[in-house]
Full PDB file with SEQRES, HELIX, SHEET, SSBOND, CRYST1, ORIGX, SCALE, CONECT and MASTER records, all heavy atoms in Angstrom:
SEQRES   1 A   42  GLY GLN ILE ARG ALA GLY GLY THR LYS ILE VAL MET THR          
SEQRES   2 A   42  THR HIS ASN LEU GLY GLN ALA LYS ARG LEU GLY GLU GLU          
SEQRES   3 A   42  ILE LEU PHE LEU TYR GLN GLY ARG LEU LEU GLU ARG THR          
SEQRES   4 A   42  PRO VAL ASP                                                  
HELIX    1 AA1 GLN A    2  ALA A    5  1                                   4    
HELIX    2 AA2 LEU A   17  LEU A   23  1                                   7    
SHEET    1 AA1 2 GLU A  26  TYR A  31  0                                        
SHEET    2 AA1 2 ARG A  34  PRO A  40 -1                                        
CRYST1    1.000    1.000    1.000  90.00  90.00  90.00 P 1           1          
ORIGX1      1.000000  0.000000  0.000000        0.00000                         
ORIGX2      0.000000  1.000000  0.000000        0.00000                         
ORIGX3      0.000000  0.000000  1.000000        0.00000                         
SCALE1      1.000000  0.000000  0.000000        0.00000                         
SCALE2      0.000000  1.000000  0.000000        0.00000                         
SCALE3      0.000000  0.000000  1.000000        0.00000                         
ATOM      1  N   GLY A   1       0.808  -1.209   0.000  1.00  0.00           N  
ATOM      2  CA  GLY A   1       0.000   0.000   0.000  1.00  0.00           C  
ATOM      3  C   GLY A   1       0.846   1.266   0.000  1.00  0.00           C  
ATOM      4  O   GLY A   1       0.518   2.244  -0.680  1.00  0.00           O  
ATOM      5  N   GLN A   2       1.955   1.242   0.742  1.00  0.00           N  
ATOM      6  CA  GLN A   2       2.855   2.393   0.767  1.00  0.00           C  
ATOM      7  C   GLN A   2       3.485   2.622  -0.610  1.00  0.00           C  
ATOM      8  O   GLN A   2       3.607   3.767  -1.070  1.00  0.00           O  
ATOM      9  CB  GLN A   2       3.963   2.168   1.796  1.00  0.00           C  
ATOM     10  CG  GLN A   2       3.514   2.189   3.240  1.00  0.00           C  
ATOM     11  CD  GLN A   2       4.654   1.842   4.171  1.00  0.00           C  
ATOM     12  OE1 GLN A   2       5.158   0.716   4.186  1.00  0.00           O  
ATOM     13  NE2 GLN A   2       5.077   2.806   4.971  1.00  0.00           N  
ATOM     14  N   ILE A   3       3.898   1.539  -1.238  1.00  0.00           N  
ATOM     15  CA  ILE A   3       4.516   1.660  -2.567  1.00  0.00           C  
ATOM     16  C   ILE A   3       3.514   2.227  -3.562  1.00  0.00           C  
ATOM     17  O   ILE A   3       3.827   3.110  -4.360  1.00  0.00           O  
ATOM     18  CB  ILE A   3       5.060   0.296  -3.031  1.00  0.00           C  
ATOM     19  CG1 ILE A   3       6.198  -0.164  -2.107  1.00  0.00           C  
ATOM     20  CG2 ILE A   3       5.554   0.366  -4.477  1.00  0.00           C  
ATOM     21  CD1 ILE A   3       6.679  -1.584  -2.365  1.00  0.00           C  
ATOM     22  N   ARG A   4       2.286   1.739  -3.507  1.00  0.00           N  
ATOM     23  CA  ARG A   4       1.246   2.236  -4.412  1.00  0.00           C  
ATOM     24  C   ARG A   4       0.960   3.709  -4.143  1.00  0.00           C  
ATOM     25  O   ARG A   4       0.769   4.504  -5.078  1.00  0.00           O  
ATOM     26  CB  ARG A   4      -0.031   1.395  -4.257  1.00  0.00           C  
ATOM     27  CG  ARG A   4      -1.205   1.923  -5.062  1.00  0.00           C  
ATOM     28  CD  ARG A   4      -0.873   2.045  -6.526  1.00  0.00           C  
ATOM     29  NE  ARG A   4      -1.896   2.789  -7.258  1.00  0.00           N  
ATOM     30  CZ  ARG A   4      -1.670   3.493  -8.358  1.00  0.00           C  
ATOM     31  NH1 ARG A   4      -0.456   3.576  -8.858  1.00  0.00           N  
ATOM     32  NH2 ARG A   4      -2.651   4.125  -8.958  1.00  0.00           N  
ATOM     33  N   ALA A   5       0.954   4.096  -2.864  1.00  0.00           N  
ATOM     34  CA  ALA A   5       0.676   5.487  -2.514  1.00  0.00           C  
ATOM     35  C   ALA A   5       1.731   6.428  -3.080  1.00  0.00           C  
ATOM     36  O   ALA A   5       1.454   7.613  -3.312  1.00  0.00           O  
ATOM     37  CB  ALA A   5       0.596   5.640  -0.992  1.00  0.00           C  
ATOM     38  N   GLY A   6       2.929   5.905  -3.337  1.00  0.00           N  
ATOM     39  CA  GLY A   6       3.988   6.700  -3.929  1.00  0.00           C  
ATOM     40  C   GLY A   6       3.887   6.830  -5.435  1.00  0.00           C  
ATOM     41  O   GLY A   6       4.744   7.473  -6.051  1.00  0.00           O  
ATOM     42  N   GLY A   7       2.871   6.199  -6.033  1.00  0.00           N  
ATOM     43  CA  GLY A   7       2.635   6.358  -7.464  1.00  0.00           C  
ATOM     44  C   GLY A   7       3.003   5.174  -8.329  1.00  0.00           C  
ATOM     45  O   GLY A   7       2.894   5.240  -9.553  1.00  0.00           O  
ATOM     46  N   THR A   8       3.436   4.071  -7.709  1.00  0.00           N  
ATOM     47  CA  THR A   8       3.819   2.881  -8.481  1.00  0.00           C  
ATOM     48  C   THR A   8       2.589   2.043  -8.817  1.00  0.00           C  
ATOM     49  O   THR A   8       1.766   1.751  -7.945  1.00  0.00           O  
ATOM     50  CB  THR A   8       4.818   2.023  -7.691  1.00  0.00           C  
ATOM     51  OG1 THR A   8       6.022   2.762  -7.485  1.00  0.00           O  
ATOM     52  CG2 THR A   8       5.159   0.735  -8.433  1.00  0.00           C  
ATOM     53  N   LYS A   9       2.466   1.653 -10.057  1.00  0.00           N  
ATOM     54  CA  LYS A   9       1.411   0.730 -10.486  1.00  0.00           C  
ATOM     55  C   LYS A   9       1.707  -0.657  -9.933  1.00  0.00           C  
ATOM     56  O   LYS A   9       2.827  -1.156 -10.043  1.00  0.00           O  
ATOM     57  CB  LYS A   9       1.361   0.684 -12.012  1.00  0.00           C  
ATOM     58  CG  LYS A   9       0.544  -0.464 -12.598  1.00  0.00           C  
ATOM     59  CD  LYS A   9      -0.949  -0.223 -12.496  1.00  0.00           C  
ATOM     60  CE  LYS A   9      -1.715  -1.341 -13.205  1.00  0.00           C  
ATOM     61  NZ  LYS A   9      -3.160  -1.076 -13.258  1.00  0.00           N  
ATOM     62  N   ILE A  10       0.715  -1.307  -9.336  1.00  0.00           N  
ATOM     63  CA  ILE A  10       0.860  -2.649  -8.776  1.00  0.00           C  
ATOM     64  C   ILE A  10       0.123  -3.651  -9.659  1.00  0.00           C  
ATOM     65  O   ILE A  10      -1.057  -3.477  -9.955  1.00  0.00           O  
ATOM     66  CB  ILE A  10       0.294  -2.724  -7.343  1.00  0.00           C  
ATOM     67  CG1 ILE A  10       1.016  -1.736  -6.415  1.00  0.00           C  
ATOM     68  CG2 ILE A  10       0.388  -4.162  -6.819  1.00  0.00           C  
ATOM     69  CD1 ILE A  10       2.483  -2.015  -6.204  1.00  0.00           C  
ATOM     70  N   VAL A  11       0.847  -4.700 -10.083  1.00  0.00           N  
ATOM     71  CA  VAL A  11       0.251  -5.843 -10.778  1.00  0.00           C  
ATOM     72  C   VAL A  11       0.660  -7.079  -9.985  1.00  0.00           C  
ATOM     73  O   VAL A  11       1.847  -7.350  -9.825  1.00  0.00           O  
ATOM     74  CB  VAL A  11       0.733  -5.952 -12.234  1.00  0.00           C  
ATOM     75  CG1 VAL A  11       0.063  -7.142 -12.924  1.00  0.00           C  
ATOM     76  CG2 VAL A  11       0.456  -4.670 -13.005  1.00  0.00           C  
ATOM     77  N   MET A  12      -0.313  -7.843  -9.511  1.00  0.00           N  
ATOM     78  CA  MET A  12      -0.020  -8.875  -8.517  1.00  0.00           C  
ATOM     79  C   MET A  12      -0.837 -10.132  -8.757  1.00  0.00           C  
ATOM     80  O   MET A  12      -2.016 -10.064  -9.118  1.00  0.00           O  
ATOM     81  CB  MET A  12      -0.326  -8.299  -7.127  1.00  0.00           C  
ATOM     82  CG  MET A  12      -0.216  -9.258  -5.968  1.00  0.00           C  
ATOM     83  SD  MET A  12      -0.514  -8.352  -4.408  1.00  0.00           S  
ATOM     84  CE  MET A  12      -0.771  -9.736  -3.292  1.00  0.00           C  
ATOM     85  N   THR A  13      -0.212 -11.277  -8.554  1.00  0.00           N  
ATOM     86  CA  THR A  13      -0.947 -12.538  -8.508  1.00  0.00           C  
ATOM     87  C   THR A  13      -1.118 -12.948  -7.054  1.00  0.00           C  
ATOM     88  O   THR A  13      -0.286 -12.652  -6.196  1.00  0.00           O  
ATOM     89  CB  THR A  13      -0.205 -13.665  -9.251  1.00  0.00           C  
ATOM     90  OG1 THR A  13       1.013 -13.987  -8.562  1.00  0.00           O  
ATOM     91  CG2 THR A  13       0.109 -13.277 -10.688  1.00  0.00           C  
ATOM     92  N   THR A  14      -2.213 -13.620  -6.769  1.00  0.00           N  
ATOM     93  CA  THR A  14      -2.443 -14.162  -5.438  1.00  0.00           C  
ATOM     94  C   THR A  14      -3.380 -15.351  -5.556  1.00  0.00           C  
ATOM     95  O   THR A  14      -4.164 -15.455  -6.503  1.00  0.00           O  
ATOM     96  CB  THR A  14      -3.037 -13.114  -4.485  1.00  0.00           C  
ATOM     97  OG1 THR A  14      -3.209 -13.703  -3.181  1.00  0.00           O  
ATOM     98  CG2 THR A  14      -4.386 -12.599  -4.966  1.00  0.00           C  
ATOM     99  N   HIS A  15      -3.295 -16.256  -4.574  1.00  0.00           N  
ATOM    100  CA  HIS A  15      -4.252 -17.358  -4.507  1.00  0.00           C  
ATOM    101  C   HIS A  15      -5.294 -17.086  -3.429  1.00  0.00           C  
ATOM    102  O   HIS A  15      -6.181 -17.906  -3.185  1.00  0.00           O  
ATOM    103  CB  HIS A  15      -3.525 -18.672  -4.195  1.00  0.00           C  
ATOM    104  CG  HIS A  15      -2.911 -18.691  -2.820  1.00  0.00           C  
ATOM    105  ND1 HIS A  15      -1.704 -18.095  -2.549  1.00  0.00           N  
ATOM    106  CD2 HIS A  15      -3.346 -19.207  -1.650  1.00  0.00           C  
ATOM    107  CE1 HIS A  15      -1.410 -18.257  -1.268  1.00  0.00           C  
ATOM    108  NE2 HIS A  15      -2.399 -18.914  -0.698  1.00  0.00           N  
ATOM    109  N   ASN A  16      -5.190 -15.933  -2.776  1.00  0.00           N  
ATOM    110  CA  ASN A  16      -6.019 -15.589  -1.624  1.00  0.00           C  
ATOM    111  C   ASN A  16      -7.113 -14.614  -2.062  1.00  0.00           C  
ATOM    112  O   ASN A  16      -6.832 -13.446  -2.354  1.00  0.00           O  
ATOM    113  CB  ASN A  16      -5.110 -14.963  -0.551  1.00  0.00           C  
ATOM    114  CG  ASN A  16      -5.844 -14.658   0.741  1.00  0.00           C  
ATOM    115  OD1 ASN A  16      -6.989 -14.226   0.730  1.00  0.00           O  
ATOM    116  ND2 ASN A  16      -5.167 -14.865   1.851  1.00  0.00           N  
ATOM    117  N   LEU A  17      -8.350 -15.075  -2.090  1.00  0.00           N  
ATOM    118  CA  LEU A  17      -9.443 -14.213  -2.554  1.00  0.00           C  
ATOM    119  C   LEU A  17      -9.687 -13.040  -1.609  1.00  0.00           C  
ATOM    120  O   LEU A  17     -10.032 -11.943  -2.055  1.00  0.00           O  
ATOM    121  CB  LEU A  17     -10.727 -15.024  -2.726  1.00  0.00           C  
ATOM    122  CG  LEU A  17     -10.727 -16.092  -3.815  1.00  0.00           C  
ATOM    123  CD1 LEU A  17     -12.132 -16.655  -3.995  1.00  0.00           C  
ATOM    124  CD2 LEU A  17     -10.198 -15.553  -5.126  1.00  0.00           C  
ATOM    125  N   GLY A  18      -9.501 -13.264  -0.314  1.00  0.00           N  
ATOM    126  CA  GLY A  18      -9.636 -12.163   0.634  1.00  0.00           C  
ATOM    127  C   GLY A  18      -8.602 -11.084   0.359  1.00  0.00           C  
ATOM    128  O   GLY A  18      -8.910  -9.888   0.414  1.00  0.00           O  
ATOM    129  N   GLN A  19      -7.390 -11.488   0.072  1.00  0.00           N  
ATOM    130  CA  GLN A  19      -6.335 -10.530  -0.252  1.00  0.00           C  
ATOM    131  C   GLN A  19      -6.645  -9.794  -1.550  1.00  0.00           C  
ATOM    132  O   GLN A  19      -6.408  -8.588  -1.666  1.00  0.00           O  
ATOM    133  CB  GLN A  19      -5.000 -11.253  -0.365  1.00  0.00           C  
ATOM    134  CG  GLN A  19      -3.811 -10.341  -0.583  1.00  0.00           C  
ATOM    135  CD  GLN A  19      -2.510 -11.124  -0.558  1.00  0.00           C  
ATOM    136  OE1 GLN A  19      -2.236 -11.907  -1.469  1.00  0.00           O  
ATOM    137  NE2 GLN A  19      -1.726 -10.928   0.489  1.00  0.00           N  
ATOM    138  N   ALA A  20      -7.168 -10.521  -2.525  1.00  0.00           N  
ATOM    139  CA  ALA A  20      -7.549  -9.882  -3.788  1.00  0.00           C  
ATOM    140  C   ALA A  20      -8.577  -8.788  -3.549  1.00  0.00           C  
ATOM    141  O   ALA A  20      -8.516  -7.708  -4.152  1.00  0.00           O  
ATOM    142  CB  ALA A  20      -8.095 -10.927  -4.760  1.00  0.00           C  
ATOM    143  N   LYS A  21      -9.537  -9.034  -2.656  1.00  0.00           N  
ATOM    144  CA  LYS A  21     -10.553  -8.029  -2.338  1.00  0.00           C  
ATOM    145  C   LYS A  21      -9.945  -6.844  -1.599  1.00  0.00           C  
ATOM    146  O   LYS A  21     -10.328  -5.700  -1.833  1.00  0.00           O  
ATOM    147  CB  LYS A  21     -11.669  -8.654  -1.503  1.00  0.00           C  
ATOM    148  CG  LYS A  21     -12.505  -9.688  -2.237  1.00  0.00           C  
ATOM    149  CD  LYS A  21     -13.523 -10.323  -1.305  1.00  0.00           C  
ATOM    150  CE  LYS A  21     -14.351 -11.389  -2.000  1.00  0.00           C  
ATOM    151  NZ  LYS A  21     -15.312 -12.036  -1.076  1.00  0.00           N  
ATOM    152  N   ARG A  22      -8.986  -7.133  -0.689  1.00  0.00           N  
ATOM    153  CA  ARG A  22      -8.380  -6.051   0.091  1.00  0.00           C  
ATOM    154  C   ARG A  22      -7.485  -5.160  -0.757  1.00  0.00           C  
ATOM    155  O   ARG A  22      -7.489  -3.933  -0.619  1.00  0.00           O  
ATOM    156  CB  ARG A  22      -7.547  -6.626   1.245  1.00  0.00           C  
ATOM    157  CG  ARG A  22      -8.331  -7.234   2.375  1.00  0.00           C  
ATOM    158  CD  ARG A  22      -7.455  -7.508   3.576  1.00  0.00           C  
ATOM    159  NE  ARG A  22      -6.368  -8.431   3.310  1.00  0.00           N  
ATOM    160  CZ  ARG A  22      -6.451  -9.747   3.376  1.00  0.00           C  
ATOM    161  NH1 ARG A  22      -7.621 -10.319   3.662  1.00  0.00           N  
ATOM    162  NH2 ARG A  22      -5.402 -10.524   3.142  1.00  0.00           N  
ATOM    163  N   LEU A  23      -6.692  -5.761  -1.623  1.00  0.00           N  
ATOM    164  CA  LEU A  23      -5.653  -5.021  -2.333  1.00  0.00           C  
ATOM    165  C   LEU A  23      -6.025  -4.639  -3.757  1.00  0.00           C  
ATOM    166  O   LEU A  23      -5.442  -3.732  -4.332  1.00  0.00           O  
ATOM    167  CB  LEU A  23      -4.355  -5.834  -2.368  1.00  0.00           C  
ATOM    168  CG  LEU A  23      -3.711  -6.185  -1.022  1.00  0.00           C  
ATOM    169  CD1 LEU A  23      -2.370  -6.866  -1.262  1.00  0.00           C  
ATOM    170  CD2 LEU A  23      -3.528  -4.957  -0.158  1.00  0.00           C  
ATOM    171  N   GLY A  24      -6.972  -5.360  -4.346  1.00  0.00           N  
ATOM    172  CA  GLY A  24      -7.250  -5.155  -5.756  1.00  0.00           C  
ATOM    173  C   GLY A  24      -8.281  -4.086  -6.033  1.00  0.00           C  
ATOM    174  O   GLY A  24      -9.158  -3.798  -5.207  1.00  0.00           O  
ATOM    175  N   GLU A  25      -8.150  -3.491  -7.205  1.00  0.00           N  
ATOM    176  CA  GLU A  25      -9.176  -2.583  -7.721  1.00  0.00           C  
ATOM    177  C   GLU A  25      -9.752  -3.105  -9.031  1.00  0.00           C  
ATOM    178  O   GLU A  25     -10.882  -2.790  -9.382  1.00  0.00           O  
ATOM    179  CB  GLU A  25      -8.590  -1.183  -7.910  1.00  0.00           C  
ATOM    180  CG  GLU A  25      -8.219  -0.531  -6.585  1.00  0.00           C  
ATOM    181  CD  GLU A  25      -7.470   0.766  -6.779  1.00  0.00           C  
ATOM    182  OE1 GLU A  25      -6.371   0.755  -7.375  1.00  0.00           O  
ATOM    183  OE2 GLU A  25      -7.982   1.799  -6.317  1.00  0.00           O  
ATOM    184  N   GLU A  26      -8.962  -3.910  -9.742  1.00  0.00           N  
ATOM    185  CA  GLU A  26      -9.481  -4.615 -10.906  1.00  0.00           C  
ATOM    186  C   GLU A  26      -8.909  -6.037 -10.908  1.00  0.00           C  
ATOM    187  O   GLU A  26      -7.828  -6.291 -10.376  1.00  0.00           O  
ATOM    188  CB  GLU A  26      -9.122  -3.902 -12.210  1.00  0.00           C  
ATOM    189  CG  GLU A  26      -7.659  -3.960 -12.587  1.00  0.00           C  
ATOM    190  CD  GLU A  26      -7.406  -3.504 -14.019  1.00  0.00           C  
ATOM    191  OE1 GLU A  26      -8.360  -3.202 -14.754  1.00  0.00           O  
ATOM    192  OE2 GLU A  26      -6.219  -3.485 -14.410  1.00  0.00           O  
ATOM    193  N   ILE A  27      -9.663  -6.951 -11.494  1.00  0.00           N  
ATOM    194  CA  ILE A  27      -9.278  -8.358 -11.572  1.00  0.00           C  
ATOM    195  C   ILE A  27      -9.064  -8.745 -13.021  1.00  0.00           C  
ATOM    196  O   ILE A  27      -9.905  -8.462 -13.891  1.00  0.00           O  
ATOM    197  CB  ILE A  27     -10.358  -9.278 -10.962  1.00  0.00           C  
ATOM    198  CG1 ILE A  27     -10.606  -8.949  -9.486  1.00  0.00           C  
ATOM    199  CG2 ILE A  27      -9.969 -10.740 -11.139  1.00  0.00           C  
ATOM    200  CD1 ILE A  27      -9.438  -9.203  -8.569  1.00  0.00           C  
ATOM    201  N   LEU A  28      -7.938  -9.400 -13.290  1.00  0.00           N  
ATOM    202  CA  LEU A  28      -7.736 -10.107 -14.550  1.00  0.00           C  
ATOM    203  C   LEU A  28      -7.900 -11.587 -14.231  1.00  0.00           C  
ATOM    204  O   LEU A  28      -7.165 -12.129 -13.406  1.00  0.00           O  
ATOM    205  CB  LEU A  28      -6.334  -9.864 -15.117  1.00  0.00           C  
ATOM    206  CG  LEU A  28      -5.895  -8.422 -15.366  1.00  0.00           C  
ATOM    207  CD1 LEU A  28      -4.520  -8.403 -16.020  1.00  0.00           C  
ATOM    208  CD2 LEU A  28      -6.899  -7.693 -16.228  1.00  0.00           C  
ATOM    209  N   PHE A  29      -8.862 -12.238 -14.882  1.00  0.00           N  
ATOM    210  CA  PHE A  29      -9.110 -13.654 -14.607  1.00  0.00           C  
ATOM    211  C   PHE A  29      -8.625 -14.497 -15.772  1.00  0.00           C  
ATOM    212  O   PHE A  29      -9.097 -14.349 -16.909  1.00  0.00           O  
ATOM    213  CB  PHE A  29     -10.600 -13.915 -14.366  1.00  0.00           C  
ATOM    214  CG  PHE A  29     -10.902 -15.363 -14.085  1.00  0.00           C  
ATOM    215  CD1 PHE A  29     -10.521 -15.940 -12.885  1.00  0.00           C  
ATOM    216  CD2 PHE A  29     -11.544 -16.150 -15.030  1.00  0.00           C  
ATOM    217  CE1 PHE A  29     -10.778 -17.289 -12.627  1.00  0.00           C  
ATOM    218  CE2 PHE A  29     -11.808 -17.487 -14.787  1.00  0.00           C  
ATOM    219  CZ  PHE A  29     -11.424 -18.057 -13.579  1.00  0.00           C  
ATOM    220  N   LEU A  30      -7.668 -15.380 -15.473  1.00  0.00           N  
ATOM    221  CA  LEU A  30      -7.104 -16.279 -16.473  1.00  0.00           C  
ATOM    222  C   LEU A  30      -7.666 -17.680 -16.295  1.00  0.00           C  
ATOM    223  O   LEU A  30      -7.819 -18.162 -15.159  1.00  0.00           O  
ATOM    224  CB  LEU A  30      -5.581 -16.354 -16.347  1.00  0.00           C  
ATOM    225  CG  LEU A  30      -4.718 -15.163 -16.773  1.00  0.00           C  
ATOM    226  CD1 LEU A  30      -3.250 -15.528 -16.592  1.00  0.00           C  
ATOM    227  CD2 LEU A  30      -4.995 -14.759 -18.207  1.00  0.00           C  
ATOM    228  N   TYR A  31      -7.917 -18.326 -17.415  1.00  0.00           N  
ATOM    229  CA  TYR A  31      -8.352 -19.725 -17.385  1.00  0.00           C  
ATOM    230  C   TYR A  31      -7.759 -20.427 -18.602  1.00  0.00           C  
ATOM    231  O   TYR A  31      -7.975 -19.995 -19.735  1.00  0.00           O  
ATOM    232  CB  TYR A  31      -9.880 -19.824 -17.402  1.00  0.00           C  
ATOM    233  CG  TYR A  31     -10.388 -21.238 -17.321  1.00  0.00           C  
ATOM    234  CD1 TYR A  31     -10.291 -21.962 -16.138  1.00  0.00           C  
ATOM    235  CD2 TYR A  31     -10.942 -21.854 -18.440  1.00  0.00           C  
ATOM    236  CE1 TYR A  31     -10.751 -23.269 -16.062  1.00  0.00           C  
ATOM    237  CE2 TYR A  31     -11.407 -23.159 -18.370  1.00  0.00           C  
ATOM    238  CZ  TYR A  31     -11.307 -23.872 -17.185  1.00  0.00           C  
ATOM    239  OH  TYR A  31     -11.746 -25.164 -17.107  1.00  0.00           O  
ATOM    240  N   GLN A  32      -6.967 -21.462 -18.331  1.00  0.00           N  
ATOM    241  CA  GLN A  32      -6.303 -22.219 -19.397  1.00  0.00           C  
ATOM    242  C   GLN A  32      -5.545 -21.302 -20.352  1.00  0.00           C  
ATOM    243  O   GLN A  32      -5.578 -21.466 -21.568  1.00  0.00           O  
ATOM    244  CB  GLN A  32      -7.320 -23.087 -20.145  1.00  0.00           C  
ATOM    245  CG  GLN A  32      -7.931 -24.170 -19.272  1.00  0.00           C  
ATOM    246  CD  GLN A  32      -8.904 -25.063 -20.009  1.00  0.00           C  
ATOM    247  OE1 GLN A  32      -9.306 -24.787 -21.151  1.00  0.00           O  
ATOM    248  NE2 GLN A  32      -9.286 -26.164 -19.373  1.00  0.00           N  
ATOM    249  N   GLY A  33      -4.873 -20.325 -19.768  1.00  0.00           N  
ATOM    250  CA  GLY A  33      -4.036 -19.432 -20.546  1.00  0.00           C  
ATOM    251  C   GLY A  33      -4.761 -18.312 -21.263  1.00  0.00           C  
ATOM    252  O   GLY A  33      -4.120 -17.471 -21.913  1.00  0.00           O  
ATOM    253  N   ARG A  34      -6.073 -18.260 -21.148  1.00  0.00           N  
ATOM    254  CA  ARG A  34      -6.856 -17.222 -21.825  1.00  0.00           C  
ATOM    255  C   ARG A  34      -7.351 -16.184 -20.811  1.00  0.00           C  
ATOM    256  O   ARG A  34      -7.721 -16.533 -19.694  1.00  0.00           O  
ATOM    257  CB  ARG A  34      -8.056 -17.843 -22.549  1.00  0.00           C  
ATOM    258  CG  ARG A  34      -7.664 -18.737 -23.726  1.00  0.00           C  
ATOM    259  CD  ARG A  34      -8.880 -19.382 -24.350  1.00  0.00           C  
ATOM    260  NE  ARG A  34      -9.465 -20.392 -23.467  1.00  0.00           N  
ATOM    261  CZ  ARG A  34     -10.719 -20.378 -23.033  1.00  0.00           C  
ATOM    262  NH1 ARG A  34     -11.542 -19.405 -23.407  1.00  0.00           N  
ATOM    263  NH2 ARG A  34     -11.157 -21.336 -22.244  1.00  0.00           N  
ATOM    264  N   LEU A  35      -7.355 -14.943 -21.219  1.00  0.00           N  
ATOM    265  CA  LEU A  35      -7.886 -13.870 -20.384  1.00  0.00           C  
ATOM    266  C   LEU A  35      -9.395 -13.801 -20.604  1.00  0.00           C  
ATOM    267  O   LEU A  35      -9.869 -13.323 -21.634  1.00  0.00           O  
ATOM    268  CB  LEU A  35      -7.226 -12.537 -20.759  1.00  0.00           C  
ATOM    269  CG  LEU A  35      -7.687 -11.307 -19.966  1.00  0.00           C  
ATOM    270  CD1 LEU A  35      -7.412 -11.478 -18.478  1.00  0.00           C  
ATOM    271  CD2 LEU A  35      -7.016 -10.051 -20.507  1.00  0.00           C  
ATOM    272  N   LEU A  36     -10.146 -14.301 -19.613  1.00  0.00           N  
ATOM    273  CA  LEU A  36     -11.602 -14.364 -19.754  1.00  0.00           C  
ATOM    274  C   LEU A  36     -12.294 -13.106 -19.258  1.00  0.00           C  
ATOM    275  O   LEU A  36     -13.370 -12.754 -19.756  1.00  0.00           O  
ATOM    276  CB  LEU A  36     -12.155 -15.573 -18.997  1.00  0.00           C  
ATOM    277  CG  LEU A  36     -11.765 -16.960 -19.510  1.00  0.00           C  
ATOM    278  CD1 LEU A  36     -12.615 -18.015 -18.803  1.00  0.00           C  
ATOM    279  CD2 LEU A  36     -11.921 -17.072 -21.016  1.00  0.00           C  
ATOM    280  N   GLU A  37     -11.724 -12.449 -18.252  1.00  0.00           N  
ATOM    281  CA  GLU A  37     -12.390 -11.267 -17.697  1.00  0.00           C  
ATOM    282  C   GLU A  37     -11.370 -10.221 -17.281  1.00  0.00           C  
ATOM    283  O   GLU A  37     -10.280 -10.554 -16.806  1.00  0.00           O  
ATOM    284  CB  GLU A  37     -13.232 -11.638 -16.469  1.00  0.00           C  
ATOM    285  CG  GLU A  37     -14.400 -12.555 -16.761  1.00  0.00           C  
ATOM    286  CD  GLU A  37     -15.374 -12.630 -15.600  1.00  0.00           C  
ATOM    287  OE1 GLU A  37     -15.612 -11.589 -14.951  1.00  0.00           O  
ATOM    288  OE2 GLU A  37     -15.884 -13.728 -15.337  1.00  0.00           O  
ATOM    289  N   ARG A  38     -11.728  -8.977 -17.452  1.00  0.00           N  
ATOM    290  CA  ARG A  38     -11.038  -7.850 -16.844  1.00  0.00           C  
ATOM    291  C   ARG A  38     -12.120  -6.945 -16.286  1.00  0.00           C  
ATOM    292  O   ARG A  38     -12.830  -6.272 -17.027  1.00  0.00           O  
ATOM    293  CB  ARG A  38     -10.182  -7.108 -17.859  1.00  0.00           C  
ATOM    294  CG  ARG A  38      -9.382  -5.972 -17.232  1.00  0.00           C  
ATOM    295  CD  ARG A  38      -8.399  -5.351 -18.201  1.00  0.00           C  
ATOM    296  NE  ARG A  38      -7.465  -4.491 -17.495  1.00  0.00           N  
ATOM    297  CZ  ARG A  38      -6.383  -3.953 -18.058  1.00  0.00           C  
ATOM    298  NH1 ARG A  38      -6.123  -4.182 -19.341  1.00  0.00           N  
ATOM    299  NH2 ARG A  38      -5.581  -3.200 -17.347  1.00  0.00           N  
ATOM    300  N   THR A  39     -12.243  -6.947 -14.949  1.00  0.00           N  
ATOM    301  CA  THR A  39     -13.426  -6.398 -14.311  1.00  0.00           C  
ATOM    302  C   THR A  39     -13.066  -5.700 -13.008  1.00  0.00           C  
ATOM    303  O   THR A  39     -12.164  -6.160 -12.308  1.00  0.00           O  
ATOM    304  CB  THR A  39     -14.408  -7.553 -13.979  1.00  0.00           C  
ATOM    305  OG1 THR A  39     -14.515  -8.450 -15.084  1.00  0.00           O  
ATOM    306  CG2 THR A  39     -15.777  -7.024 -13.620  1.00  0.00           C  
ATOM    307  N   PRO A  40     -13.747  -4.611 -12.630  1.00  0.00           N  
ATOM    308  CA  PRO A  40     -13.564  -4.045 -11.290  1.00  0.00           C  
ATOM    309  C   PRO A  40     -13.772  -5.118 -10.228  1.00  0.00           C  
ATOM    310  O   PRO A  40     -14.622  -6.003 -10.379  1.00  0.00           O  
ATOM    311  CB  PRO A  40     -14.640  -2.958 -11.218  1.00  0.00           C  
ATOM    312  CG  PRO A  40     -14.852  -2.555 -12.643  1.00  0.00           C  
ATOM    313  CD  PRO A  40     -14.705  -3.824 -13.440  1.00  0.00           C  
ATOM    314  N   VAL A  41     -13.016  -5.044  -9.144  1.00  0.00           N  
ATOM    315  CA  VAL A  41     -12.994  -6.137  -8.170  1.00  0.00           C  
ATOM    316  C   VAL A  41     -14.377  -6.410  -7.589  1.00  0.00           C  
ATOM    317  O   VAL A  41     -14.772  -7.583  -7.450  1.00  0.00           O  
ATOM    318  CB  VAL A  41     -11.957  -5.848  -7.060  1.00  0.00           C  
ATOM    319  CG1 VAL A  41     -12.305  -4.594  -6.271  1.00  0.00           C  
ATOM    320  CG2 VAL A  41     -11.801  -7.048  -6.140  1.00  0.00           C  
ATOM    321  N   ASP A  42     -15.136  -5.386  -7.237  1.00  0.00           N  
ATOM    322  CA  ASP A  42     -16.461  -5.605  -6.645  1.00  0.00           C  
ATOM    323  C   ASP A  42     -17.388  -6.325  -7.621  1.00  0.00           C  
ATOM    324  O   ASP A  42     -18.129  -7.235  -7.234  1.00  0.00           O  
ATOM    325  CB  ASP A  42     -17.091  -4.279  -6.216  1.00  0.00           C  
ATOM    326  CG  ASP A  42     -16.354  -3.650  -5.037  1.00  0.00           C  
ATOM    327  OD1 ASP A  42     -15.601  -4.364  -4.361  1.00  0.00           O  
ATOM    328  OD2 ASP A  42     -16.543  -2.433  -4.816  1.00  0.00           O  
TER     329      ASP A  42                                                      
MASTER        0    0    0    2    2    0    0    6  328    1    0    4          
END                                                                             
């Protein structure tokens, strides 16, 4: 959060859905190598 507040763009993978909700603003959803969704996190 501190790094982002300084103006750095964050791109992150996680296996934790709670963390994705806490830290994410948009979701890229991959399935079998294909990008199926790019959507606001909520």
